[in-house]
Every structure is written in structure tokens, then in C-alpha cells.
Amino acid sequence: MRRHKVSYLLLLMVVVFSVLFLIYGLKPTSYHYALSKRIPKLIAIALTGSGVAVSSVIFQTVTNNRILTPSVLGLDSLYNLFQTLIIFVFGSVNVALIGSNLNFLIAGGLMILFSLLLFQFVFRRENTNLFFLLMVGMILGTLFSSLSSFMQMVMDPNEFLIVQNKIFASFNNIQSELLSISLVTMGVTLIWVLKDVKTLDVLALGKEQAINLGINYDRVVLKMLTAVAILVSISTALVGPITFLGILVTNLAYQLVKDYRHQLIIPTAILISLLALIGGQFLVEQVFRFSTTVGVIINFVGGIYFIYLLLKEERL
């Protein structure tokens, strides 16, 4: 009963904050224009929040580690490298002519392709070890980050500012055309992976126990990681990387629900994610007056929470 009360309370808070986000500060003379900007942002928040929450819960279950997020696979670093590289090579003017839609398709497709190649490389080995996958992902992520930093150091300062705007998550310039593509892709992926949500309960027991209970471990893990890669890639290509959001929402979900069942954990994590993003975007617009981005706020709060988790684990 307590678990349901927590879910209902979170749902009520999400609805209240969503309505507040839409109507706060509206004026009779300009409410049409304001709503035309805020509604796409709210849809993008719903897509991004759901994608990050579900992918983080699945990834932590597969790796059996509460302080890891899919960013260790190097997808965020690859996105930053791509955004830096195209401006470094072609210049900001030519990149602007390409348009946001093509940028989204190339960036998202590149991250998905990189993930699939990485998984194919790891899972073709006998006795697949997920820690080997994480190690390869972290090494490649470090390489991508180093290349990005090098190009940012030598590029024109004005173009560096444009790169900075692209590599921090922001809902301020959402293209309505991209929402349809994201909605369909993420919707199909969520249906594909969540129909086996009870399998995640078994995976949480560990590899040996899951195999003993009849799970085709490699096939299931590959499916789950592929879904994680798609969700993270689409979310990142749509608004930019939000590194610490996954750690924040998944651990809060486990603390609030206090249950192992993913059919309870995942909806709670989604609601917490939506609440964090809506609240963060509201602060960006109404308090900070667009002087920062929601990604900076989330990463600041999430970073502090991550340090708390590390200290907590050390005490245990």
C-alpha cells in the first residue's frame, strides 16, 4: 500500500508541476505563442525523462551496480566528439545550414551504430564478461573526450561557445519535427524491452542464478543493452547528455519503493525523472532567466548525490 501511495503522490506532483510549467506567467496577449513553445518542451521532457530512467534502471540491473549509468559506455563522449568535430571541420555557419534534423539523425544513428558494434565485438567472445564491456566503453569514452578537448582548445573561441551550447542538455531549442521521430523510436523500444520486465527481476539476482533459473543470459543481456543504447542515443541526440540524471532517479526510486520488482521501480524512476526535469526547466526559465541550462542544474545536484552514494558505499 505504501508503494502505491508513493507512486500516486509522485504522479500528482508531476501533473501539478506540468500544469504550473505550462501556465505560469502566461499573458492574454501572448499565451498562444508561449504555449506553442512550452508544449513541445514538455513532450521532450517526457521522452527524455522516460528514456533516461528506463535505460538507467535496466543498465544498473544488468551490471548489478547502483552507481553506474549508460554513460560509461562512452555514448555521451561520442556525442560531444561528433558535435565538436563537425564544427571544427565545417565551421558553425555550414553546420547551421545542415539543420537540426540532419544533426539529430546523424548523431543518434552514430551512437546506436557504435553501441551495436561494441556489443558485437564483446558478445562474440566466449564467456562474455560485462566488466570487459564496461572497460572497453570507458577507454573509448576517455579517448573521445580527449579528442574533443584537443579540438576545443585549438578552435576559434566563438565556435567553442557554439560547441558548449550543443554539448550541454537543453530543452530551449526543441524542433517539433524531431519529437515525432523520437516518440515512435522510443515508444517501440520501450514496448520491445518492457514486455520482458519480469526477466529483469531474475537478472538482478546475478548471472549464475539467472542461468540456473533458465534464462538465456547472453541473449537477454544483449537485448537489454541494445534497448539501453537506443534509448540513450535518442535522448542524447534530442536534448544533449545529462550524465547524472540516471544515477539520481534510479537510486531515489529504489529508496522510495524499497522493492526488487521492476514493474514498480521503473514507473517510479520515470516519475522522479519527469519531476526533476520539469522542476529544473522551470528554474531555468523563471528563476535563472535562461542564463543556464537544465543539464547544468541536474548534473550539479546529481554530482552531489553521486558523491553521497560513494561515501555511503564506503561506510558499508
Protein backbone atom coordinates (compact mmCIF):
# COMPACT_ATOMS: atom_id res chain seq x y z
CA MET A 1 0.00 0.00 0.00
CA ARG A 2 2.84 2.41 0.83
CA ARG A 3 4.39 1.81 -2.57
CA HIS A 4 1.17 2.77 -4.31
CA LYS A 5 0.87 5.92 -2.19
CA VAL A 6 4.38 6.94 -3.24
CA SER A 7 3.51 6.41 -6.92
CA TYR A 8 0.25 8.34 -6.65
CA LEU A 9 1.98 11.20 -4.83
CA LEU A 10 4.73 11.39 -7.46
CA LEU A 11 2.15 11.28 -10.26
CA LEU A 12 0.18 14.10 -8.63
CA MET A 13 3.35 16.18 -8.26
CA VAL A 14 4.26 15.60 -11.91
CA VAL A 15 0.78 16.70 -13.04
CA VAL A 16 0.87 19.80 -10.80
CA PHE A 17 4.35 20.81 -11.92
CA SER A 18 3.44 20.19 -15.56
CA VAL A 19 0.39 22.45 -15.34
CA LEU A 20 2.42 25.07 -13.47
CA PHE A 21 5.14 24.89 -16.11
CA LEU A 22 2.59 25.42 -18.88
CA ILE A 23 0.52 28.25 -17.38
CA TYR A 24 2.90 30.18 -15.13
CA GLY A 25 3.39 33.76 -16.32
CA LEU A 26 1.01 33.48 -19.28
CA LYS A 27 -0.43 36.72 -20.58
CA PRO A 28 -3.71 37.09 -22.53
CA THR A 29 -1.90 38.74 -25.42
CA SER A 30 0.84 36.12 -25.85
CA TYR A 31 -0.36 32.85 -24.37
CA HIS A 32 -0.71 31.21 -27.82
CA TYR A 33 2.96 31.82 -28.58
CA ALA A 34 4.07 30.79 -25.08
CA LEU A 35 2.14 27.51 -25.20
CA SER A 36 3.47 26.75 -28.68
CA LYS A 37 6.96 26.79 -27.12
CA ARG A 38 6.20 25.15 -23.80
CA ILE A 39 4.18 22.17 -25.03
CA PRO A 40 7.00 20.80 -27.25
CA LYS A 41 9.39 21.27 -24.32
CA LEU A 42 7.09 19.28 -22.06
CA ILE A 43 6.83 16.48 -24.63
CA ALA A 44 10.62 16.44 -25.00
CA ILE A 45 10.97 16.30 -21.21
CA ALA A 46 8.57 13.33 -21.08
CA LEU A 47 10.54 11.49 -23.77
CA THR A 48 13.96 12.26 -22.34
CA GLY A 49 12.96 11.58 -18.75
CA SER A 50 11.39 8.24 -19.62
CA GLY A 51 14.30 7.18 -21.80
CA VAL A 52 16.96 8.06 -19.23
CA ALA A 53 15.05 6.49 -16.34
CA VAL A 54 14.29 3.19 -18.07
CA SER A 55 17.75 2.84 -19.59
CA SER A 56 19.46 3.56 -16.26
CA VAL A 57 17.35 1.08 -14.30
CA ILE A 58 17.96 -1.64 -16.90
CA PHE A 59 21.68 -0.89 -17.11
CA GLN A 60 22.15 -1.00 -13.34
CA THR A 61 20.23 -4.26 -13.17
CA VAL A 62 22.29 -5.89 -15.92
CA THR A 63 25.60 -4.72 -14.40
CA ASN A 64 24.36 -5.28 -10.82
CA ASN A 65 25.78 -1.92 -9.80
CA ARG A 66 23.82 1.06 -8.42
CA ILE A 67 26.43 3.74 -9.20
CA LEU A 68 26.80 3.07 -12.93
CA THR A 69 24.91 4.71 -15.78
CA PRO A 70 24.95 4.02 -19.54
CA SER A 71 27.35 6.95 -19.94
CA VAL A 72 30.21 4.57 -19.06
CA LEU A 73 29.70 3.01 -22.50
CA GLY A 74 31.09 6.22 -23.98
CA LEU A 75 27.90 7.40 -25.72
CA ASP A 76 27.93 10.87 -24.13
CA SER A 77 31.58 11.32 -25.05
CA LEU A 78 30.88 10.18 -28.61
CA TYR A 79 28.06 12.71 -28.90
CA ASN A 80 30.35 15.50 -27.66
CA LEU A 81 33.07 14.39 -30.08
CA PHE A 82 30.65 14.44 -33.02
CA GLN A 83 29.32 17.92 -32.20
CA THR A 84 32.86 19.22 -31.74
CA LEU A 85 34.19 17.55 -34.88
CA ILE A 86 31.58 18.86 -37.31
CA ILE A 87 32.05 22.45 -36.11
CA PHE A 88 35.84 22.04 -36.09
CA VAL A 89 35.86 20.72 -39.65
CA PHE A 90 32.97 22.53 -41.35
CA GLY A 91 32.54 25.65 -39.22
CA SER A 92 29.46 26.82 -37.35
CA VAL A 93 27.93 28.55 -40.40
CA ASN A 94 27.93 25.41 -42.55
CA VAL A 95 26.70 23.29 -39.63
CA ALA A 96 23.77 25.69 -39.17
CA LEU A 97 22.89 25.22 -42.83
CA ILE A 98 22.77 21.44 -42.35
CA GLY A 99 19.93 21.87 -39.86
CA SER A 100 18.94 20.31 -36.56
CA ASN A 101 17.04 17.42 -38.13
CA LEU A 102 20.04 16.01 -40.01
CA ASN A 103 22.26 16.61 -37.00
CA PHE A 104 19.83 14.61 -34.86
CA LEU A 105 19.67 11.72 -37.32
CA ILE A 106 23.44 11.50 -37.79
CA ALA A 107 24.26 11.85 -34.08
CA GLY A 108 21.61 9.36 -32.99
CA GLY A 109 22.48 6.89 -35.73
CA LEU A 110 26.20 7.17 -34.98
CA MET A 111 25.70 6.40 -31.27
CA ILE A 112 23.43 3.44 -32.00
CA LEU A 113 25.86 2.06 -34.60
CA PHE A 114 28.79 2.47 -32.21
CA SER A 115 26.87 0.62 -29.48
CA LEU A 116 25.91 -2.26 -31.76
CA LEU A 117 29.49 -2.66 -32.97
CA LEU A 118 30.75 -2.59 -29.41
CA PHE A 119 28.22 -5.21 -28.30
CA GLN A 120 29.01 -7.37 -31.34
CA PHE A 121 32.72 -7.21 -30.50
CA VAL A 122 32.16 -8.18 -26.86
CA PHE A 123 29.38 -10.77 -27.19
CA ARG A 124 31.05 -12.77 -29.93
CA ARG A 125 33.61 -13.84 -27.34
CA GLU A 126 33.02 -16.96 -25.30
CA ASN A 127 32.27 -16.44 -21.59
CA THR A 128 31.08 -12.87 -22.10
CA ASN A 129 32.18 -10.60 -19.27
CA LEU A 130 30.22 -7.40 -18.75
CA PHE A 131 33.13 -5.83 -16.93
CA PHE A 132 35.17 -6.20 -20.10
CA LEU A 133 32.40 -4.32 -21.96
CA LEU A 134 32.44 -1.55 -19.36
CA MET A 135 36.23 -1.33 -19.50
CA VAL A 136 36.24 -1.01 -23.31
CA GLY A 137 33.46 1.57 -23.15
CA MET A 138 35.29 3.65 -20.54
CA ILE A 139 38.55 3.53 -22.51
CA LEU A 140 36.83 4.61 -25.73
CA GLY A 141 34.88 7.28 -23.83
CA THR A 142 38.14 8.68 -22.45
CA LEU A 143 39.62 8.66 -25.97
CA PHE A 144 36.59 10.51 -27.35
CA SER A 145 36.73 13.07 -24.53
CA SER A 146 40.45 13.67 -25.12
CA LEU A 147 39.91 14.24 -28.84
CA SER A 148 37.03 16.62 -28.11
CA SER A 149 39.11 18.59 -25.61
CA PHE A 150 42.00 18.87 -28.07
CA MET A 151 39.80 20.28 -30.84
CA GLN A 152 38.04 22.64 -28.45
CA MET A 153 41.40 24.00 -27.29
CA VAL A 154 42.54 24.95 -30.78
CA MET A 155 39.27 26.11 -32.35
CA ASP A 156 38.01 29.67 -32.66
CA PRO A 157 36.59 30.97 -29.33
CA ASN A 158 33.28 31.93 -30.95
CA GLU A 159 32.83 28.45 -32.35
CA PHE A 160 33.86 26.99 -29.00
CA LEU A 161 30.88 28.78 -27.42
CA ILE A 162 28.59 27.16 -30.01
CA VAL A 163 30.04 23.76 -29.18
CA GLN A 164 29.45 24.41 -25.49
CA ASN A 165 25.80 25.15 -26.18
CA LYS A 166 25.44 21.86 -28.03
CA ILE A 167 27.13 19.56 -25.51
CA PHE A 168 25.03 20.68 -22.53
CA ALA A 169 21.50 19.34 -22.31
CA SER A 170 18.89 21.97 -23.10
CA PHE A 171 15.18 21.99 -23.92
CA ASN A 172 15.19 25.57 -25.18
CA ASN A 173 15.50 24.84 -28.90
CA ILE A 174 13.45 21.70 -29.43
CA GLN A 175 12.40 21.06 -33.04
CA SER A 176 8.82 19.80 -33.26
CA GLU A 177 9.71 17.55 -36.22
CA LEU A 178 12.17 15.61 -34.08
CA LEU A 179 9.57 14.82 -31.42
CA SER A 180 7.61 12.54 -33.77
CA ILE A 181 10.70 10.54 -34.73
CA SER A 182 11.80 10.29 -31.10
CA LEU A 183 8.32 9.31 -29.90
CA VAL A 184 7.98 6.47 -32.41
CA THR A 185 11.52 5.14 -31.92
CA MET A 186 11.48 5.29 -28.14
CA GLY A 187 7.90 4.01 -27.93
CA VAL A 188 8.69 0.91 -29.99
CA THR A 189 11.88 0.31 -27.99
CA LEU A 190 10.09 0.63 -24.65
CA ILE A 191 7.36 -1.81 -25.72
CA TRP A 192 10.01 -4.22 -27.03
CA VAL A 193 12.02 -4.28 -23.81
CA LEU A 194 9.37 -3.77 -21.11
CA LYS A 195 7.33 -6.78 -22.21
CA ASP A 196 10.12 -8.79 -20.52
CA VAL A 197 10.17 -6.62 -17.41
CA LYS A 198 9.88 -9.64 -15.10
CA THR A 199 13.06 -11.04 -16.63
CA LEU A 200 14.88 -8.08 -15.11
CA ASP A 201 13.87 -9.33 -11.66
CA VAL A 202 15.73 -12.56 -12.41
CA LEU A 203 18.77 -10.77 -13.88
CA ALA A 204 19.04 -8.76 -10.67
CA LEU A 205 19.90 -11.99 -8.86
CA GLY A 206 23.17 -12.29 -10.79
CA LYS A 207 24.47 -14.18 -13.79
CA GLU A 208 24.81 -17.62 -12.19
CA GLN A 209 21.38 -17.52 -10.57
CA ALA A 210 19.74 -16.26 -13.75
CA ILE A 211 21.27 -19.09 -15.81
CA ASN A 212 20.21 -21.64 -13.19
CA LEU A 213 16.66 -20.35 -13.43
CA GLY A 214 16.58 -20.94 -17.19
CA ILE A 215 17.46 -17.51 -18.57
CA ASN A 216 19.41 -17.37 -21.83
CA TYR A 217 21.76 -14.87 -20.23
CA ASP A 218 23.78 -13.63 -23.20
CA ARG A 219 20.73 -13.21 -25.43
CA VAL A 220 18.70 -11.38 -22.79
CA VAL A 221 21.57 -9.12 -21.75
CA LEU A 222 22.33 -8.25 -25.39
CA LYS A 223 18.66 -7.36 -25.92
CA MET A 224 18.57 -5.18 -22.80
CA LEU A 225 21.82 -3.40 -23.66
CA THR A 226 20.61 -2.77 -27.22
CA ALA A 227 17.44 -1.17 -25.84
CA VAL A 228 19.57 0.90 -23.44
CA ALA A 229 21.75 2.10 -26.33
CA ILE A 230 18.74 3.14 -28.42
CA LEU A 231 17.04 4.99 -25.55
CA VAL A 232 20.21 6.80 -24.52
CA SER A 233 21.15 7.66 -28.10
CA ILE A 234 17.75 9.16 -28.93
CA SER A 235 17.55 11.07 -25.64
CA THR A 236 21.05 12.46 -26.03
CA ALA A 237 20.64 13.39 -29.69
CA LEU A 238 17.37 15.15 -28.87
CA VAL A 239 18.48 17.40 -25.99
CA GLY A 240 22.11 16.60 -25.17
CA PRO A 241 23.77 14.48 -22.45
CA ILE A 242 22.52 14.55 -18.84
CA THR A 243 25.17 12.45 -17.16
CA PHE A 244 23.98 12.21 -13.55
CA LEU A 245 20.21 12.11 -14.05
CA GLY A 246 20.16 8.31 -14.29
CA ILE A 247 22.06 7.83 -11.02
CA LEU A 248 19.80 10.31 -9.26
CA VAL A 249 16.43 8.91 -10.32
CA THR A 250 17.22 5.20 -10.06
CA ASN A 251 18.67 5.34 -6.56
CA LEU A 252 15.86 7.58 -5.33
CA ALA A 253 13.36 5.13 -6.85
CA TYR A 254 14.90 2.20 -5.00
CA GLN A 255 14.94 4.16 -1.74
CA LEU A 256 11.29 5.18 -2.07
CA VAL A 257 9.86 1.88 -3.30
CA LYS A 258 12.05 -0.49 -1.28
CA ASP A 259 11.14 -3.37 -3.57
CA TYR A 260 13.03 -5.50 -6.07
CA ARG A 261 10.23 -5.69 -8.67
CA HIS A 262 10.99 -3.66 -11.77
CA GLN A 263 7.30 -3.21 -12.56
CA LEU A 264 7.32 -0.87 -9.53
CA ILE A 265 10.85 0.53 -9.82
CA ILE A 266 10.65 1.63 -13.46
CA PRO A 267 7.42 3.72 -13.22
CA THR A 268 8.71 5.36 -10.03
CA ALA A 269 12.03 6.20 -11.68
CA ILE A 270 10.20 7.69 -14.67
CA LEU A 271 8.05 9.90 -12.43
CA ILE A 272 11.08 11.10 -10.45
CA SER A 273 12.91 11.82 -13.71
CA LEU A 274 9.99 13.85 -15.06
CA LEU A 275 9.70 15.75 -11.80
CA ALA A 276 13.42 16.58 -11.81
CA LEU A 277 13.44 17.74 -15.45
CA ILE A 278 10.22 19.76 -15.22
CA GLY A 279 11.39 21.40 -11.99
CA GLY A 280 14.82 22.06 -13.46
CA GLN A 281 13.41 23.59 -16.64
CA PHE A 282 11.04 25.75 -14.58
CA LEU A 283 14.03 27.08 -12.61
CA VAL A 284 15.93 27.74 -15.85
CA GLU A 285 13.10 29.81 -17.31
CA GLN A 286 11.57 31.56 -14.31
CA VAL A 287 14.44 31.92 -11.85
CA PHE A 288 17.67 31.93 -13.87
CA ARG A 289 16.04 33.57 -16.93
CA PHE A 290 17.74 31.21 -19.41
CA SER A 291 21.22 32.09 -18.08
CA THR A 292 21.94 28.36 -17.66
CA THR A 293 20.58 25.03 -18.86
CA VAL A 294 18.70 22.24 -17.14
CA GLY A 295 21.64 19.90 -17.76
CA VAL A 296 23.90 22.06 -15.59
CA ILE A 297 21.38 22.02 -12.72
CA ILE A 298 20.75 18.27 -12.94
CA ASN A 299 24.45 17.46 -13.17
CA PHE A 300 25.20 19.70 -10.19
CA VAL A 301 22.56 18.07 -7.98
CA GLY A 302 23.29 14.60 -9.37
CA GLY A 303 27.02 15.03 -8.85
CA ILE A 304 26.49 15.86 -5.18
CA TYR A 305 24.21 12.84 -4.82
CA PHE A 306 26.79 10.65 -6.57
CA ILE A 307 29.43 11.70 -4.05
CA TYR A 308 26.97 10.88 -1.26
CA LEU A 309 26.43 7.40 -2.72
CA LEU A 310 30.18 6.78 -2.94
CA LEU A 311 30.67 7.81 0.69
CA LYS A 312 27.69 5.69 1.73
CA GLU A 313 29.08 2.62 -0.07
CA GLU A 314 32.49 3.17 1.54
CA ARG A 315 30.93 3.23 5.02
CA LEU A 316 29.08 -0.01 4.27
